[in-house]
C-alpha atoms as a PDB file:
ATOM      1  CA  MET A   1       0.000   0.000   0.000  1.00  0.00           C
ATOM      2  CA  ASN A   2       1.285   3.479  -0.810  1.00  0.00           C
ATOM      3  CA  ILE A   3       0.769   6.649   1.222  1.00  0.00           C
ATOM      4  CA  GLY A   4      -2.172   7.844  -0.883  1.00  0.00           C
ATOM      5  CA  GLN A   5      -4.000   4.554  -0.410  1.00  0.00           C
ATOM      6  CA  ALA A   6      -3.242   4.579   3.308  1.00  0.00           C
ATOM      7  CA  VAL A   7      -4.584   8.132   3.778  1.00  0.00           C
ATOM      8  CA  ARG A   8      -7.694   7.140   1.831  1.00  0.00           C
ATOM      9  CA  LYS A   9      -8.263   4.078   4.015  1.00  0.00           C
ATOM     10  CA  ARG A  10      -7.648   6.041   7.213  1.00  0.00           C
ATOM     11  CA  ILE A  11     -10.205   8.683   6.250  1.00  0.00           C
ATOM     12  CA  ILE A  12     -12.783   6.035   5.366  1.00  0.00           C
ATOM     13  CA  ASP A  13     -12.135   4.223   8.668  1.00  0.00           C
ATOM     14  CA  LEU A  14     -12.452   7.474  10.634  1.00  0.00           C
ATOM     15  CA  CYS A  15     -15.737   8.305   8.915  1.00  0.00           C
ATOM     16  CA  GLN A  16     -17.078   4.878   9.857  1.00  0.00           C
ATOM     17  CA  SER A  17     -15.893   5.070  13.453  1.00  0.00           C
ATOM     18  CA  HIS A  18     -17.399   8.563  13.881  1.00  0.00           C
ATOM     19  CA  ASP A  19     -20.602   7.581  12.026  1.00  0.00           C
ATOM     20  CA  LEU A  20     -19.989  10.283   9.403  1.00  0.00           C
ATOM     21  CA  THR A  21     -20.542  10.446   5.699  1.00  0.00           C
ATOM     22  CA  VAL A  22     -17.702  11.743   3.581  1.00  0.00           C
ATOM     23  CA  ASN A  23     -19.752  14.878   2.920  1.00  0.00           C
ATOM     24  CA  GLY A  24     -20.425  15.275   6.641  1.00  0.00           C
ATOM     25  CA  LEU A  25     -16.696  15.044   7.293  1.00  0.00           C
ATOM     26  CA  ALA A  26     -16.007  17.674   4.635  1.00  0.00           C
ATOM     27  CA  ASN A  27     -18.510  20.050   6.238  1.00  0.00           C
ATOM     28  CA  MET A  28     -16.984  19.541   9.703  1.00  0.00           C
ATOM     29  CA  CYS A  29     -13.476  20.175   8.446  1.00  0.00           C
ATOM     30  CA  GLY A  30     -13.999  23.132   6.160  1.00  0.00           C
ATOM     31  CA  VAL A  31     -12.670  21.151   3.219  1.00  0.00           C
ATOM     32  CA  THR A  32     -14.652  21.100  -0.004  1.00  0.00           C
ATOM     33  CA  GLN A  33     -16.764  18.013  -0.576  1.00  0.00           C
ATOM     34  CA  SER A  34     -15.082  17.491  -3.933  1.00  0.00           C
ATOM     35  CA  THR A  35     -11.648  17.394  -2.289  1.00  0.00           C
ATOM     36  CA  VAL A  36     -12.650  14.766   0.264  1.00  0.00           C
ATOM     37  CA  ASN A  37     -14.614  12.804  -2.337  1.00  0.00           C
ATOM     38  CA  ASN A  38     -11.601  12.838  -4.677  1.00  0.00           C
ATOM     39  CA  ILE A  39      -9.330  11.532  -1.906  1.00  0.00           C
ATOM     40  CA  VAL A  40     -11.763   8.799  -0.848  1.00  0.00           C
ATOM     41  CA  SER A  41     -12.519   7.729  -4.419  1.00  0.00           C
ATOM     42  CA  GLY A  42      -8.827   7.534  -5.298  1.00  0.00           C
ATOM     43  CA  ARG A  43      -8.959  10.276  -7.951  1.00  0.00           C
ATOM     44  CA  ASN A  44      -6.656  12.383  -5.758  1.00  0.00           C
ATOM     45  CA  LYS A  45      -3.719  10.121  -4.972  1.00  0.00           C
ATOM     46  CA  SER A  46      -1.789  12.571  -2.790  1.00  0.00           C
ATOM     47  CA  ALA A  47      -3.725  14.582  -0.232  1.00  0.00           C
ATOM     48  CA  THR A  48      -1.813  17.589   1.030  1.00  0.00           C
ATOM     49  CA  VAL A  49      -0.631  17.781   4.614  1.00  0.00           C
ATOM     50  CA  SER A  50      -2.794  20.886   4.958  1.00  0.00           C
ATOM     51  CA  THR A  51      -5.902  18.914   3.970  1.00  0.00           C
ATOM     52  CA  VAL A  52      -5.025  16.091   6.370  1.00  0.00           C
ATOM     53  CA  LYS A  53      -4.532  18.675   9.148  1.00  0.00           C
ATOM     54  CA  LYS A  54      -7.947  20.208   8.455  1.00  0.00           C
ATOM     55  CA  ILE A  55      -9.512  16.749   8.649  1.00  0.00           C
ATOM     56  CA  CYS A  56      -7.732  16.191  11.958  1.00  0.00           C
ATOM     57  CA  ASP A  57      -8.957  19.542  13.275  1.00  0.00           C
ATOM     58  CA  GLY A  58     -12.532  18.708  12.311  1.00  0.00           C
ATOM     59  CA  LEU A  59     -12.293  15.355  14.083  1.00  0.00           C
ATOM     60  CA  GLU A  60     -10.581  16.973  17.081  1.00  0.00           C
ATOM     61  CA  MET A  61      -7.517  14.778  16.777  1.00  0.00           C
ATOM     62  CA  THR A  62      -3.852  15.527  16.305  1.00  0.00           C
ATOM     63  CA  ILE A  63      -2.018  14.810  13.119  1.00  0.00           C
ATOM     64  CA  GLN A  64       0.094  12.380  15.147  1.00  0.00           C
ATOM     65  CA  GLU A  65      -3.064  10.463  16.073  1.00  0.00           C
ATOM     66  CA  PHE A  66      -4.100  10.394  12.417  1.00  0.00           C
ATOM     67  CA  PHE A  67      -0.836   8.778  11.327  1.00  0.00           C
ATOM     68  CA  ASP A  68      -0.496   6.527  14.389  1.00  0.00           C
ATOM     69  CA  ASP A  69      -2.460   3.722  12.776  1.00  0.00           C
ATOM     70  CA  GLU A  70      -1.381   0.327  11.512  1.00  0.00           C
ATOM     71  CA  VAL A  71      -2.342   1.282   7.960  1.00  0.00           C
ATOM     72  CA  PHE A  72       0.804   3.451   7.865  1.00  0.00           C
ATOM     73  CA  TYR A  73       3.213   0.907   9.372  1.00  0.00           C
ATOM     74  CA  ASP A  74       4.261  -0.995   6.255  1.00  0.00           C
ATOM     75  CA  LEU A  75       4.032   1.450   3.371  1.00  0.00           C
ATOM     76  CA  GLU A  76       5.641   0.768   0.020  1.00  0.00           C
ATOM     77  CA  GLN A  77       8.847   2.560  -0.867  1.00  0.00           C
ATOM     78  CA  GLU A  78       7.861   5.745  -2.738  1.00  0.00           C
ATOM     79  CA  ILE A  79      11.192   6.151  -4.530  1.00  0.00           C
ATOM     80  CA  LYS A  80      11.864   3.313  -6.930  1.00  0.00           C
END
């Protein structure tokens, strides 16, 4: 799994655990629905750190908590 796929999975998992739709998450975070939808659908393969931080702020979690998940533990090498 690469970083884009891991961020996508983490966002989907957080939506499920907080009983949120993707659009509900976007509204909470002040991120456009199209941005979050593009990340979750895989059209956007590299979410910015700023977008991830806004998602964290909306969910009242730190960026460290966002990335402290097993989905990020065994990522593929990005430079090949």
